[in-house]
Amino acid sequence: MNNRDDLDDQMIVAEVVSGQKELFRLLVNRHEKKVYGMGLSFFRNADDASDFTQEVFLKVYRNLSSFEGRSRFSTWLYAVAYNTAVNNVTRKPDSQYTSLADAEDITVDTDTPERQSLRQALRASVREAVRDLPERYRVCVDLFFFYERTYQEIESITGYPVNTIKSHVFRAKKLLREKLADLVEEGIE
C-alpha cells in the first residue's frame, strides 16, 4: 500500500468513528481479500475463511475507536486477524497454518503448454518446500512476501521480536534455496 492509501484508511477510520458508519464498507472492500487469504492459510476451507473474515471485520468495527493510528490501519487489521486466527486454531488441535504459496494455480494465457507445465511443476515444488518449513517461518515468510509487511509490522501482528522475524525469514529463504536448488539447476524458471 502506498502512503495515500494509508492516509485514506486513517481518514475513513476517523469518519466512521465520528458517526459515518456506512464508510466502513470502504475499509472492508479494500482489505477483505487479504484477510480472507489469511483465513484460508489457517483454515484451508472457503466457508471457514469466509466466517473468519466476517468475524475479523466485526471485531475491527466494534473496536475501531481503539485504533490509535500509531501504525498503519492495515497492520492493526492484520494483527486483529492473525490473533483471531491463532485463537481459533488453538481451539482446533488438528489445525495448522498453511502458506499462501498453496494458493490456486494461475496460468498466463500466452504461455505455451510446455511453459504452463514447467510453471505448474515449479509451483508444486515451491508449495512442497514451503509446506516443509516450520510454522513460525511460514507465517513470517507469508507476511513478508505475500502480504508485503515490514519487519516492524510483522512484529506488531505476531508479537515476535524484529530480530526473530529477520532470522526466521533469513532461515526460511536459506532452506527454500537449498530445497529448490535442483530446480534452478534444471533450468525451470
Foldseek 3Di string as FASTA:
>chain_A
DDPVVLVVVVVLLVVCVVPPVVSLVVVCVVCLVVLLLQQCQWPVDNVSSVVLSVVLSVVCSVCSVVPPSPDRPVLVSLLSSLVSSVVVVVVPVVIAGAASLPPDDDDDPPDDPVLSVLVVVVSVLLRVQLVPQPRVLRLLCCCCPVVVDDLVSVCSRPVDDSVVSVVSPVVSVVSSCVSCVVVVVVPRD
